[in-house]
Amino acid sequence: MTTSGRFIVVEGLEGAGKTSAIRTIQQWLNEHQIPFISTREPGGTPLAEQIRTIVKQVQDEKVAPETELLLMYASRVQLVKTVIQPALQQGNWVLGDRHDLSSRAYQGGGRQLDETLINSIRQVVLGNLKPDLTLYLDIDPAIGLQRAQARGELDRIELEQLAFFQRTRAKYQQIAATEANIVTIDASQSMQQVQQQILDALQQAYQNGSLSCDAKADLNPDV
């Protein structure tokens, strides 16, 4: 019988360092011979990528918050049904650049949409699917936006006012404080410090059973 894979997600505001964090986790998975795939949201399939373009680049009309929410979940359900769930069922691990927590923070916090609405959509789209571990990279929105601006042209969401990202961060922090599978990492630290905290979180999650697996290599660094 095939052992179900594990689902790890990296979350955070723009400029928090998600790309570097994902590379660190990918290296950890490779070192321990764990088969995995990487995904991103919105996006991750041809159809979901088209939705991503609409969400991030539309400029010729105002996007209603409810429209944005539904587009995010349309992209997500396509990715979940065609990529994430099949991979997990085959015993592969999934490493996600954003997942459901983004909508709860950005649309629930930033856009201030009703949590009851979001939760009802979540239940239809996700059912019982939950990440086994979410690494939330916490950063001051002003610092994150400075980093994002230094990368180049900003998309529609990145062009929002600072207050939007402050509300988004507050929602991230609120949820992270109440859900056991979310680990908060201070993303204002040096890259080396952030990387070490990520590795520590992975090891801790393995030791406490959240990331139990049938990997070929022993994940205990002391052996």
N, C-alpha and C. Protein backbone atom coordinates (compact mmCIF):
# COMPACT_ATOMS: atom_id res chain seq x y z
N MET A 1 0.84 -1.19 0.00
CA MET A 1 0.00 0.00 0.00
C MET A 1 0.88 1.24 0.00
N THR A 2 0.56 2.22 -0.83
CA THR A 2 1.34 3.44 -0.92
C THR A 2 1.09 4.33 0.29
N THR A 3 2.18 4.82 0.89
CA THR A 3 2.05 5.74 2.01
C THR A 3 1.74 7.13 1.49
N SER A 4 0.77 7.80 2.12
CA SER A 4 0.40 9.14 1.70
C SER A 4 1.56 10.10 1.89
N GLY A 5 1.71 11.04 0.95
CA GLY A 5 2.76 12.04 1.06
C GLY A 5 2.43 13.09 2.10
N ARG A 6 3.31 14.06 2.24
CA ARG A 6 3.12 15.16 3.19
C ARG A 6 3.07 16.48 2.42
N PHE A 7 2.40 17.45 3.02
CA PHE A 7 2.12 18.73 2.37
C PHE A 7 2.73 19.85 3.21
N ILE A 8 3.75 20.51 2.65
CA ILE A 8 4.43 21.63 3.31
C ILE A 8 4.13 22.90 2.52
N VAL A 9 3.82 23.98 3.22
CA VAL A 9 3.49 25.25 2.57
C VAL A 9 4.34 26.37 3.16
N VAL A 10 4.78 27.27 2.29
CA VAL A 10 5.49 28.48 2.72
C VAL A 10 4.58 29.67 2.47
N GLU A 11 4.39 30.50 3.49
CA GLU A 11 3.50 31.65 3.41
C GLU A 11 4.22 32.92 3.84
N GLY A 12 3.65 34.06 3.45
CA GLY A 12 4.20 35.34 3.89
C GLY A 12 3.86 36.46 2.94
N LEU A 13 4.10 37.67 3.39
CA LEU A 13 3.86 38.85 2.57
C LEU A 13 4.89 38.94 1.45
N GLU A 14 4.63 39.86 0.52
CA GLU A 14 5.59 40.16 -0.52
C GLU A 14 6.92 40.57 0.12
N GLY A 15 8.01 40.05 -0.42
CA GLY A 15 9.33 40.42 0.08
C GLY A 15 9.75 39.70 1.35
N ALA A 16 8.98 38.70 1.77
CA ALA A 16 9.32 37.98 3.00
C ALA A 16 10.43 36.96 2.81
N GLY A 17 10.71 36.59 1.56
CA GLY A 17 11.76 35.62 1.29
C GLY A 17 11.27 34.22 1.03
N LYS A 18 10.06 34.10 0.48
CA LYS A 18 9.50 32.77 0.23
C LYS A 18 10.34 31.96 -0.75
N THR A 19 10.85 32.61 -1.79
CA THR A 19 11.62 31.89 -2.80
C THR A 19 12.86 31.24 -2.19
N SER A 20 13.58 31.99 -1.36
CA SER A 20 14.76 31.43 -0.69
C SER A 20 14.38 30.32 0.26
N ALA A 21 13.26 30.49 0.96
CA ALA A 21 12.80 29.46 1.89
C ALA A 21 12.47 28.17 1.16
N ILE A 22 11.82 28.30 0.03
CA ILE A 22 11.46 27.12 -0.76
C ILE A 22 12.70 26.39 -1.25
N ARG A 23 13.72 27.13 -1.66
CA ARG A 23 14.97 26.49 -2.09
C ARG A 23 15.60 25.72 -0.93
N THR A 24 15.54 26.27 0.26
CA THR A 24 16.09 25.59 1.44
C THR A 24 15.36 24.28 1.69
N ILE A 25 14.04 24.31 1.60
CA ILE A 25 13.25 23.10 1.84
C ILE A 25 13.48 22.08 0.73
N GLN A 26 13.57 22.54 -0.51
CA GLN A 26 13.85 21.63 -1.62
C GLN A 26 15.17 20.90 -1.41
N GLN A 27 16.18 21.63 -0.96
CA GLN A 27 17.48 21.02 -0.71
C GLN A 27 17.37 19.98 0.41
N TRP A 28 16.62 20.29 1.45
CA TRP A 28 16.42 19.36 2.57
C TRP A 28 15.73 18.08 2.09
N LEU A 29 14.71 18.24 1.28
CA LEU A 29 13.99 17.07 0.76
C LEU A 29 14.89 16.22 -0.12
N ASN A 30 15.67 16.87 -0.97
CA ASN A 30 16.59 16.13 -1.84
C ASN A 30 17.65 15.39 -1.03
N GLU A 31 18.18 16.05 -0.01
CA GLU A 31 19.22 15.42 0.81
C GLU A 31 18.70 14.17 1.50
N HIS A 32 17.41 14.15 1.80
CA HIS A 32 16.83 13.01 2.51
C HIS A 32 16.07 12.08 1.57
N GLN A 33 16.30 12.26 0.27
CA GLN A 33 15.76 11.34 -0.75
C GLN A 33 14.24 11.20 -0.65
N ILE A 34 13.58 12.31 -0.41
CA ILE A 34 12.12 12.32 -0.33
C ILE A 34 11.56 12.81 -1.66
N PRO A 35 10.76 12.01 -2.35
CA PRO A 35 10.18 12.45 -3.62
C PRO A 35 9.14 13.55 -3.39
N PHE A 36 9.24 14.62 -4.17
CA PHE A 36 8.33 15.74 -3.97
C PHE A 36 8.09 16.49 -5.27
N ILE A 37 7.02 17.28 -5.27
CA ILE A 37 6.77 18.24 -6.34
C ILE A 37 6.60 19.61 -5.71
N SER A 38 6.87 20.65 -6.48
CA SER A 38 6.68 22.03 -6.02
C SER A 38 5.53 22.67 -6.78
N THR A 39 4.72 23.45 -6.06
CA THR A 39 3.59 24.14 -6.68
C THR A 39 3.60 25.60 -6.25
N ARG A 40 2.77 26.40 -6.92
CA ARG A 40 2.59 27.77 -6.47
C ARG A 40 1.13 28.17 -6.63
N GLU A 41 0.71 29.13 -5.80
CA GLU A 41 -0.65 29.64 -5.88
C GLU A 41 -0.63 31.16 -5.86
N PRO A 42 -1.55 31.77 -6.61
CA PRO A 42 -2.38 31.10 -7.61
C PRO A 42 -1.52 30.57 -8.75
N GLY A 43 -1.99 29.52 -9.39
CA GLY A 43 -1.25 28.91 -10.49
C GLY A 43 -1.00 27.44 -10.25
N GLY A 44 -0.01 26.91 -10.97
CA GLY A 44 0.38 25.52 -10.76
C GLY A 44 -0.13 24.54 -11.79
N THR A 45 -1.11 24.95 -12.61
CA THR A 45 -1.57 24.17 -13.76
C THR A 45 -1.78 25.17 -14.90
N PRO A 46 -1.87 24.71 -16.14
CA PRO A 46 -2.09 25.67 -17.24
C PRO A 46 -3.31 26.56 -17.03
N LEU A 47 -4.43 25.97 -16.61
CA LEU A 47 -5.63 26.77 -16.37
C LEU A 47 -5.45 27.70 -15.18
N ALA A 48 -4.89 27.17 -14.10
CA ALA A 48 -4.68 27.98 -12.91
C ALA A 48 -3.72 29.13 -13.17
N GLU A 49 -2.74 28.92 -14.05
CA GLU A 49 -1.82 30.00 -14.40
C GLU A 49 -2.53 31.12 -15.16
N GLN A 50 -3.50 30.76 -15.99
CA GLN A 50 -4.28 31.79 -16.68
C GLN A 50 -5.09 32.61 -15.67
N ILE A 51 -5.63 31.94 -14.67
CA ILE A 51 -6.35 32.66 -13.62
C ILE A 51 -5.39 33.57 -12.85
N ARG A 52 -4.19 33.09 -12.60
CA ARG A 52 -3.17 33.90 -11.91
C ARG A 52 -2.93 35.20 -12.66
N THR A 53 -2.81 35.10 -13.97
CA THR A 53 -2.57 36.30 -14.78
C THR A 53 -3.71 37.29 -14.63
N ILE A 54 -4.93 36.79 -14.65
CA ILE A 54 -6.09 37.68 -14.48
C ILE A 54 -6.04 38.36 -13.12
N VAL A 55 -5.82 37.58 -12.07
CA VAL A 55 -5.83 38.11 -10.71
C VAL A 55 -4.76 39.18 -10.51
N LYS A 56 -3.57 38.93 -11.04
CA LYS A 56 -2.45 39.80 -10.75
C LYS A 56 -2.27 40.96 -11.73
N GLN A 57 -2.75 40.81 -12.97
CA GLN A 57 -2.39 41.79 -13.98
C GLN A 57 -3.54 42.63 -14.51
N VAL A 58 -4.80 42.27 -14.23
CA VAL A 58 -5.91 43.04 -14.79
C VAL A 58 -5.81 44.49 -14.32
N GLN A 59 -5.93 45.42 -15.27
CA GLN A 59 -5.76 46.84 -14.97
C GLN A 59 -6.93 47.69 -15.47
N ASP A 60 -7.74 47.14 -16.37
CA ASP A 60 -8.73 47.98 -17.04
C ASP A 60 -10.06 48.06 -16.31
N GLU A 61 -10.18 47.38 -15.18
CA GLU A 61 -11.38 47.53 -14.36
C GLU A 61 -11.08 47.14 -12.93
N LYS A 62 -11.87 47.66 -12.02
CA LYS A 62 -11.70 47.36 -10.60
C LYS A 62 -12.19 45.95 -10.32
N VAL A 63 -11.40 45.19 -9.60
CA VAL A 63 -11.76 43.82 -9.25
C VAL A 63 -12.44 43.83 -7.88
N ALA A 64 -13.68 43.39 -7.82
CA ALA A 64 -14.40 43.32 -6.54
C ALA A 64 -13.71 42.31 -5.63
N PRO A 65 -13.65 42.57 -4.32
CA PRO A 65 -13.02 41.62 -3.40
C PRO A 65 -13.58 40.21 -3.52
N GLU A 66 -14.90 40.10 -3.69
CA GLU A 66 -15.51 38.78 -3.82
C GLU A 66 -15.06 38.08 -5.11
N THR A 67 -14.89 38.85 -6.17
CA THR A 67 -14.40 38.28 -7.43
C THR A 67 -12.98 37.75 -7.24
N GLU A 68 -12.15 38.55 -6.59
CA GLU A 68 -10.77 38.13 -6.33
C GLU A 68 -10.75 36.84 -5.51
N LEU A 69 -11.58 36.76 -4.49
CA LEU A 69 -11.65 35.57 -3.65
C LEU A 69 -12.04 34.34 -4.47
N LEU A 70 -13.07 34.47 -5.28
CA LEU A 70 -13.54 33.33 -6.07
C LEU A 70 -12.51 32.91 -7.12
N LEU A 71 -11.81 33.87 -7.70
CA LEU A 71 -10.76 33.53 -8.66
C LEU A 71 -9.63 32.77 -7.97
N MET A 72 -9.26 33.21 -6.78
CA MET A 72 -8.21 32.51 -6.04
C MET A 72 -8.61 31.06 -5.77
N TYR A 73 -9.85 30.86 -5.37
CA TYR A 73 -10.28 29.50 -5.07
C TYR A 73 -10.55 28.68 -6.32
N ALA A 74 -10.89 29.33 -7.42
CA ALA A 74 -11.01 28.60 -8.69
C ALA A 74 -9.64 28.05 -9.10
N SER A 75 -8.62 28.89 -8.98
CA SER A 75 -7.26 28.43 -9.26
C SER A 75 -6.86 27.32 -8.30
N ARG A 76 -7.21 27.50 -7.04
CA ARG A 76 -6.80 26.53 -6.01
C ARG A 76 -7.45 25.16 -6.21
N VAL A 77 -8.74 25.14 -6.48
CA VAL A 77 -9.41 23.85 -6.62
C VAL A 77 -8.87 23.09 -7.83
N GLN A 78 -8.52 23.81 -8.90
CA GLN A 78 -7.95 23.15 -10.07
C GLN A 78 -6.60 22.51 -9.71
N LEU A 79 -5.80 23.24 -8.96
CA LEU A 79 -4.49 22.72 -8.54
C LEU A 79 -4.65 21.55 -7.57
N VAL A 80 -5.55 21.68 -6.62
CA VAL A 80 -5.75 20.63 -5.62
C VAL A 80 -6.22 19.33 -6.28
N LYS A 81 -7.22 19.44 -7.14
CA LYS A 81 -7.82 18.24 -7.73
C LYS A 81 -6.93 17.56 -8.76
N THR A 82 -6.16 18.34 -9.51
CA THR A 82 -5.39 17.76 -10.61
C THR A 82 -3.91 17.53 -10.28
N VAL A 83 -3.40 18.17 -9.23
CA VAL A 83 -1.97 18.05 -8.93
C VAL A 83 -1.72 17.62 -7.49
N ILE A 84 -2.20 18.39 -6.53
CA ILE A 84 -1.83 18.16 -5.13
C ILE A 84 -2.36 16.83 -4.61
N GLN A 85 -3.65 16.61 -4.71
CA GLN A 85 -4.21 15.36 -4.18
C GLN A 85 -3.65 14.12 -4.87
N PRO A 86 -3.54 14.10 -6.21
CA PRO A 86 -2.93 12.92 -6.84
C PRO A 86 -1.50 12.67 -6.38
N ALA A 87 -0.72 13.74 -6.22
CA ALA A 87 0.66 13.58 -5.78
C ALA A 87 0.72 12.99 -4.38
N LEU A 88 -0.09 13.51 -3.47
CA LEU A 88 -0.10 13.00 -2.10
C LEU A 88 -0.53 11.54 -2.06
N GLN A 89 -1.53 11.19 -2.86
CA GLN A 89 -2.02 9.81 -2.90
C GLN A 89 -0.98 8.85 -3.44
N GLN A 90 -0.08 9.35 -4.28
CA GLN A 90 0.99 8.52 -4.84
C GLN A 90 2.20 8.43 -3.91
N GLY A 91 2.12 9.09 -2.77
CA GLY A 91 3.22 9.03 -1.81
C GLY A 91 4.24 10.13 -1.96
N ASN A 92 4.03 11.05 -2.89
CA ASN A 92 4.94 12.17 -3.06
C ASN A 92 4.62 13.28 -2.06
N TRP A 93 5.63 14.01 -1.66
CA TRP A 93 5.41 15.20 -0.85
C TRP A 93 5.12 16.37 -1.77
N VAL A 94 4.41 17.35 -1.26
CA VAL A 94 4.09 18.55 -2.02
C VAL A 94 4.61 19.76 -1.25
N LEU A 95 5.37 20.60 -1.95
CA LEU A 95 5.89 21.84 -1.37
C LEU A 95 5.21 23.01 -2.07
N GLY A 96 4.39 23.74 -1.33
CA GLY A 96 3.58 24.79 -1.92
C GLY A 96 4.08 26.19 -1.61
N ASP A 97 4.21 26.99 -2.65
CA ASP A 97 4.44 28.43 -2.52
C ASP A 97 3.05 29.06 -2.42
N ARG A 98 2.59 29.23 -1.20
CA ARG A 98 1.25 29.70 -0.83
C ARG A 98 0.21 28.58 -0.95
N HIS A 99 -0.82 28.74 -0.14
CA HIS A 99 -2.00 27.86 -0.21
C HIS A 99 -3.16 28.62 0.42
N ASP A 100 -4.04 27.89 1.06
CA ASP A 100 -5.29 28.46 1.57
C ASP A 100 -5.09 29.59 2.57
N LEU A 101 -4.03 29.53 3.37
CA LEU A 101 -3.80 30.58 4.35
C LEU A 101 -3.65 31.95 3.70
N SER A 102 -3.15 31.99 2.47
CA SER A 102 -3.04 33.27 1.77
C SER A 102 -4.39 33.94 1.58
N SER A 103 -5.40 33.17 1.20
CA SER A 103 -6.73 33.75 1.02
C SER A 103 -7.32 34.21 2.34
N ARG A 104 -7.10 33.43 3.38
CA ARG A 104 -7.60 33.82 4.69
C ARG A 104 -6.97 35.13 5.14
N ALA A 105 -5.68 35.33 4.81
CA ALA A 105 -4.98 36.55 5.23
C ALA A 105 -5.23 37.71 4.28
N TYR A 106 -5.06 37.48 2.97
CA TYR A 106 -5.18 38.57 2.00
C TYR A 106 -6.63 38.99 1.77
N GLN A 107 -7.49 38.02 1.50
CA GLN A 107 -8.89 38.38 1.25
C GLN A 107 -9.66 38.56 2.56
N GLY A 108 -9.35 37.76 3.56
CA GLY A 108 -10.03 37.90 4.85
C GLY A 108 -9.53 39.09 5.65
N GLY A 109 -8.20 39.25 5.69
CA GLY A 109 -7.62 40.37 6.43
C GLY A 109 -7.49 41.62 5.59
N GLY A 110 -6.74 41.50 4.50
CA GLY A 110 -6.51 42.67 3.65
C GLY A 110 -7.77 43.24 3.05
N ARG A 111 -8.61 42.39 2.46
CA ARG A 111 -9.86 42.84 1.82
C ARG A 111 -11.02 42.92 2.81
N GLN A 112 -10.83 42.38 4.00
CA GLN A 112 -11.83 42.43 5.07
C GLN A 112 -13.14 41.73 4.68
N LEU A 113 -13.01 40.63 3.95
CA LEU A 113 -14.19 39.84 3.61
C LEU A 113 -14.62 38.99 4.81
N ASP A 114 -15.90 38.67 4.84
CA ASP A 114 -16.47 37.93 5.96
C ASP A 114 -15.88 36.52 6.05
N GLU A 115 -15.47 36.14 7.26
CA GLU A 115 -14.84 34.83 7.45
C GLU A 115 -15.82 33.69 7.17
N THR A 116 -17.10 33.92 7.42
CA THR A 116 -18.09 32.88 7.15
C THR A 116 -18.13 32.55 5.66
N LEU A 117 -18.07 33.58 4.83
CA LEU A 117 -18.04 33.38 3.38
C LEU A 117 -16.81 32.58 2.98
N ILE A 118 -15.65 33.00 3.48
CA ILE A 118 -14.41 32.32 3.12
C ILE A 118 -14.43 30.87 3.59
N ASN A 119 -14.88 30.64 4.80
CA ASN A 119 -14.89 29.27 5.33
C ASN A 119 -15.83 28.36 4.56
N SER A 120 -16.95 28.90 4.09
CA SER A 120 -17.88 28.07 3.32
C SER A 120 -17.26 27.65 1.99
N ILE A 121 -16.53 28.56 1.36
CA ILE A 121 -15.85 28.24 0.11
C ILE A 121 -14.71 27.26 0.37
N ARG A 122 -13.98 27.48 1.44
CA ARG A 122 -12.87 26.59 1.79
C ARG A 122 -13.35 25.15 1.93
N GLN A 123 -14.48 24.97 2.58
CA GLN A 123 -14.99 23.62 2.82
C GLN A 123 -15.33 22.92 1.51
N VAL A 124 -15.91 23.65 0.58
CA VAL A 124 -16.26 23.06 -0.72
C VAL A 124 -15.00 22.70 -1.50
N VAL A 125 -14.03 23.60 -1.50
CA VAL A 125 -12.83 23.43 -2.32
C VAL A 125 -11.87 22.41 -1.71
N LEU A 126 -11.65 22.48 -0.40
CA LEU A 126 -10.58 21.72 0.23
C LEU A 126 -11.04 20.49 0.99
N GLY A 127 -12.28 20.49 1.44
CA GLY A 127 -12.71 19.37 2.27
C GLY A 127 -11.83 19.25 3.50
N ASN A 128 -11.22 18.09 3.68
CA ASN A 128 -10.35 17.85 4.85
C ASN A 128 -8.87 18.08 4.55
N LEU A 129 -8.54 18.55 3.36
CA LEU A 129 -7.13 18.76 3.02
C LEU A 129 -6.54 19.91 3.82
N LYS A 130 -5.44 19.63 4.52
CA LYS A 130 -4.72 20.65 5.28
C LYS A 130 -3.22 20.40 5.14
N PRO A 131 -2.42 21.46 5.08
CA PRO A 131 -0.98 21.25 5.09
C PRO A 131 -0.55 20.57 6.39
N ASP A 132 0.44 19.70 6.30
CA ASP A 132 1.01 19.09 7.50
C ASP A 132 1.88 20.08 8.25
N LEU A 133 2.47 21.01 7.50
CA LEU A 133 3.31 22.05 8.10
C LEU A 133 3.25 23.30 7.24
N THR A 134 3.00 24.44 7.88
CA THR A 134 3.05 25.72 7.19
C THR A 134 4.11 26.57 7.85
N LEU A 135 5.04 27.08 7.07
CA LEU A 135 6.07 27.99 7.55
C LEU A 135 5.67 29.40 7.15
N TYR A 136 5.31 30.21 8.14
CA TYR A 136 4.88 31.58 7.88
C TYR A 136 6.05 32.52 8.12
N LEU A 137 6.51 33.18 7.07
CA LEU A 137 7.62 34.13 7.16
C LEU A 137 7.05 35.50 7.50
N ASP A 138 7.25 35.92 8.73
CA ASP A 138 6.66 37.17 9.22
C ASP A 138 7.63 38.33 9.02
N ILE A 139 7.11 39.42 8.43
CA ILE A 139 7.95 40.58 8.18
C ILE A 139 7.11 41.84 8.22
N ASP A 140 7.72 42.94 8.64
CA ASP A 140 7.06 44.25 8.60
C ASP A 140 6.70 44.55 7.15
N PRO A 141 5.44 44.89 6.88
CA PRO A 141 5.03 45.13 5.49
C PRO A 141 5.86 46.20 4.79
N ALA A 142 6.28 47.23 5.50
CA ALA A 142 7.08 48.29 4.88
C ALA A 142 8.40 47.74 4.36
N ILE A 143 9.02 46.86 5.15
CA ILE A 143 10.28 46.25 4.72
C ILE A 143 10.04 45.30 3.56
N GLY A 144 8.99 44.50 3.65
CA GLY A 144 8.68 43.56 2.58
C GLY A 144 8.42 44.26 1.26
N LEU A 145 7.68 45.36 1.30
CA LEU A 145 7.37 46.08 0.07
C LEU A 145 8.62 46.71 -0.52
N GLN A 146 9.52 47.18 0.32
CA GLN A 146 10.79 47.71 -0.18
C GLN A 146 11.56 46.63 -0.94
N ARG A 147 11.58 45.44 -0.39
CA ARG A 147 12.26 44.32 -1.06
C ARG A 147 11.57 44.00 -2.38
N ALA A 148 10.23 43.97 -2.37
CA ALA A 148 9.49 43.65 -3.59
C ALA A 148 9.73 44.70 -4.67
N GLN A 149 9.76 45.96 -4.28
CA GLN A 149 10.00 47.03 -5.24
C GLN A 149 11.39 46.93 -5.85
N ALA A 150 12.35 46.47 -5.05
CA ALA A 150 13.72 46.33 -5.55
C ALA A 150 13.84 45.24 -6.59
N ARG A 151 12.88 44.29 -6.60
CA ARG A 151 12.90 43.21 -7.58
C ARG A 151 12.45 43.67 -8.96
N GLY A 152 11.68 44.77 -9.01
CA GLY A 152 11.20 45.23 -10.31
C GLY A 152 9.74 45.62 -10.28
N GLU A 153 9.08 45.49 -11.42
CA GLU A 153 7.69 45.93 -11.58
C GLU A 153 6.75 45.15 -10.65
N LEU A 154 5.82 45.89 -10.03
CA LEU A 154 4.89 45.29 -9.09
C LEU A 154 3.59 44.92 -9.78
N ASP A 155 2.92 43.85 -9.29
CA ASP A 155 1.64 43.47 -9.87
C ASP A 155 0.50 44.20 -9.16
N ARG A 156 -0.73 43.89 -9.54
CA ARG A 156 -1.89 44.63 -9.03
C ARG A 156 -1.99 44.56 -7.51
N ILE A 157 -1.77 43.39 -6.95
CA ILE A 157 -1.88 43.24 -5.50
C ILE A 157 -0.71 43.91 -4.79
N GLU A 158 0.47 43.79 -5.33
CA GLU A 158 1.65 44.41 -4.71
C GLU A 158 1.56 45.93 -4.70
N LEU A 159 0.71 46.50 -5.55
CA LEU A 159 0.54 47.95 -5.62
C LEU A 159 -0.45 48.48 -4.58
N GLU A 160 -1.02 47.60 -3.77
CA GLU A 160 -1.95 48.05 -2.73
C GLU A 160 -1.25 48.94 -1.70
N GLN A 161 -2.06 49.70 -0.96
CA GLN A 161 -1.52 50.60 0.05
C GLN A 161 -0.97 49.80 1.24
N LEU A 162 -0.10 50.45 2.01
CA LEU A 162 0.53 49.80 3.16
C LEU A 162 -0.50 49.26 4.14
N ALA A 163 -1.60 49.98 4.34
CA ALA A 163 -2.63 49.55 5.29
C ALA A 163 -3.20 48.18 4.93
N PHE A 164 -3.31 47.91 3.64
CA PHE A 164 -3.80 46.60 3.19
C PHE A 164 -2.88 45.49 3.69
N PHE A 165 -1.58 45.69 3.56
CA PHE A 165 -0.62 44.66 3.97
C PHE A 165 -0.51 44.58 5.50
N GLN A 166 -0.75 45.69 6.17
CA GLN A 166 -0.77 45.64 7.64
C GLN A 166 -1.94 44.79 8.13
N ARG A 167 -3.10 44.94 7.50
CA ARG A 167 -4.25 44.10 7.86
C ARG A 167 -3.99 42.64 7.52
N THR A 168 -3.34 42.42 6.38
CA THR A 168 -3.01 41.05 5.97
C THR A 168 -2.06 40.40 6.96
N ARG A 169 -1.04 41.15 7.36
CA ARG A 169 -0.09 40.61 8.34
C ARG A 169 -0.79 40.30 9.67
N ALA A 170 -1.64 41.20 10.11
CA ALA A 170 -2.35 40.98 11.37
C ALA A 170 -3.18 39.71 11.33
N LYS A 171 -3.80 39.44 10.20
CA LYS A 171 -4.60 38.22 10.07
C LYS A 171 -3.70 36.98 10.05
N TYR A 172 -2.58 37.07 9.33
CA TYR A 172 -1.61 35.97 9.36
C TYR A 172 -1.21 35.66 10.80
N GLN A 173 -0.85 36.70 11.54
CA GLN A 173 -0.37 36.51 12.91
C GLN A 173 -1.46 35.93 13.80
N GLN A 174 -2.69 36.41 13.61
CA GLN A 174 -3.81 35.91 14.40
C GLN A 174 -4.03 34.41 14.17
N ILE A 175 -4.02 34.01 12.92
CA ILE A 175 -4.25 32.60 12.60
C ILE A 175 -3.08 31.74 13.07
N ALA A 176 -1.85 32.23 12.83
CA ALA A 176 -0.66 31.46 13.21
C ALA A 176 -0.59 31.22 14.71
N ALA A 177 -1.15 32.14 15.48
CA ALA A 177 -1.11 32.02 16.94
C ALA A 177 -2.08 30.96 17.46
N THR A 178 -3.01 30.53 16.61
CA THR A 178 -4.06 29.61 17.09
C THR A 178 -4.02 28.24 16.43
N GLU A 179 -3.20 28.05 15.40
CA GLU A 179 -3.17 26.77 14.69
C GLU A 179 -1.80 26.11 14.85
N ALA A 180 -1.81 24.90 15.37
CA ALA A 180 -0.57 24.24 15.79
C ALA A 180 0.37 23.90 14.65
N ASN A 181 -0.15 23.72 13.44
CA ASN A 181 0.71 23.29 12.33
C ASN A 181 1.36 24.46 11.61
N ILE A 182 1.21 25.68 12.13
CA ILE A 182 1.83 26.86 11.53
C ILE A 182 3.00 27.31 12.40
N VAL A 183 4.17 27.40 11.81
CA VAL A 183 5.37 27.87 12.51
C VAL A 183 5.72 29.25 11.98
N THR A 184 5.83 30.21 12.89
CA THR A 184 6.18 31.58 12.51
C THR A 184 7.68 31.77 12.57
N ILE A 185 8.23 32.33 11.49
CA ILE A 185 9.67 32.59 11.40
C ILE A 185 9.87 34.08 11.16
N ASP A 186 10.76 34.68 11.93
CA ASP A 186 11.06 36.11 11.80
C ASP A 186 11.88 36.32 10.53
N ALA A 187 11.23 36.83 9.49
CA ALA A 187 11.90 36.97 8.20
C ALA A 187 12.74 38.23 8.09
N SER A 188 12.80 39.03 9.17
CA SER A 188 13.66 40.21 9.15
C SER A 188 15.10 39.87 9.52
N GLN A 189 15.34 38.64 9.93
CA GLN A 189 16.69 38.20 10.29
C GLN A 189 17.54 38.02 9.03
N SER A 190 18.80 37.69 9.25
CA SER A 190 19.68 37.40 8.12
C SER A 190 19.20 36.14 7.41
N MET A 191 19.62 35.99 6.16
CA MET A 191 19.23 34.82 5.38
C MET A 191 19.69 33.53 6.07
N GLN A 192 20.88 33.56 6.66
CA GLN A 192 21.40 32.37 7.33
C GLN A 192 20.55 32.01 8.55
N GLN A 193 20.11 33.02 9.30
CA GLN A 193 19.28 32.76 10.48
C GLN A 193 17.92 32.20 10.08
N VAL A 194 17.33 32.78 9.03
CA VAL A 194 16.04 32.30 8.55
C VAL A 194 16.17 30.86 8.08
N GLN A 195 17.22 30.59 7.32
CA GLN A 195 17.44 29.24 6.81
C GLN A 195 17.56 28.23 7.95
N GLN A 196 18.29 28.59 9.00
CA GLN A 196 18.46 27.67 10.13
C GLN A 196 17.15 27.43 10.84
N GLN A 197 16.33 28.47 10.99
CA GLN A 197 15.03 28.29 11.65
C GLN A 197 14.11 27.39 10.82
N ILE A 198 14.21 27.50 9.51
CA ILE A 198 13.42 26.62 8.63
C ILE A 198 13.85 25.17 8.83
N LEU A 199 15.15 24.93 8.83
CA LEU A 199 15.66 23.57 9.01
C LEU A 199 15.27 23.03 10.39
N ASP A 200 15.34 23.88 11.40
CA ASP A 200 14.94 23.46 12.74
C ASP A 200 13.46 23.09 12.78
N ALA A 201 12.63 23.88 12.10
CA ALA A 201 11.19 23.61 12.07
C ALA A 201 10.89 22.29 11.37
N LEU A 202 11.60 22.02 10.28
CA LEU A 202 11.42 20.77 9.56
C LEU A 202 11.79 19.58 10.45
N GLN A 203 12.94 19.69 11.11
CA GLN A 203 13.39 18.61 11.96
C GLN A 203 12.44 18.39 13.13
N GLN A 204 11.97 19.48 13.73
CA GLN A 204 11.05 19.37 14.86
C GLN A 204 9.73 18.73 14.43
N ALA A 205 9.24 19.13 13.26
CA ALA A 205 7.98 18.56 12.76
C ALA A 205 8.14 17.07 12.48
N TYR A 206 9.30 16.67 12.00
CA TYR A 206 9.54 15.24 11.78
C TYR A 206 9.57 14.49 13.11
N GLN A 207 10.27 15.05 14.07
CA GLN A 207 10.43 14.36 15.35
C GLN A 207 9.11 14.21 16.10
N ASN A 208 8.22 15.21 15.96
CA ASN A 208 6.95 15.11 16.69
C ASN A 208 5.86 14.39 15.90
N GLY A 209 6.22 13.91 14.69
CA GLY A 209 5.30 13.09 13.92
C GLY A 209 4.52 13.80 12.85
N SER A 210 4.59 15.15 12.80
CA SER A 210 3.83 15.89 11.79
C SER A 210 4.30 15.57 10.38
N LEU A 211 5.59 15.27 10.25
CA LEU A 211 6.15 14.97 8.93
C LEU A 211 6.73 13.56 8.90
N SER A 212 6.08 12.62 9.56
CA SER A 212 6.55 11.23 9.50
C SER A 212 6.53 10.76 8.07
N CYS A 213 7.46 9.91 7.71
CA CYS A 213 7.57 9.49 6.31
C CYS A 213 8.30 8.17 6.20
N ASP A 214 8.35 7.65 4.98
CA ASP A 214 9.09 6.43 4.70
C ASP A 214 10.33 6.73 3.85
N ALA A 215 10.93 7.88 4.11
CA ALA A 215 12.09 8.28 3.32
C ALA A 215 13.22 7.28 3.50
N LYS A 216 14.05 7.15 2.46
CA LYS A 216 15.15 6.20 2.50
C LYS A 216 16.18 6.60 3.54
N ALA A 217 16.42 7.90 3.67
CA ALA A 217 17.46 8.36 4.59
C ALA A 217 16.88 8.59 5.98
N ASP A 218 17.74 8.45 6.99
CA ASP A 218 17.34 8.75 8.36
C ASP A 218 17.39 10.26 8.54
N LEU A 219 16.29 10.86 9.01
CA LEU A 219 16.24 12.31 9.15
C LEU A 219 16.83 12.79 10.47
N ASN A 220 17.29 11.89 11.31
CA ASN A 220 17.86 12.30 12.59
C ASN A 220 19.31 12.72 12.37
N PRO A 221 19.63 14.01 12.54
CA PRO A 221 20.98 14.48 12.24
C PRO A 221 22.01 13.97 13.23
N ASP A 222 21.58 13.42 14.38
CA ASP A 222 22.53 12.97 15.39
C ASP A 222 23.02 11.54 15.15
N VAL A 223 22.42 10.86 14.18
CA VAL A 223 22.80 9.47 13.91
C VAL A 223 23.89 9.42 12.85
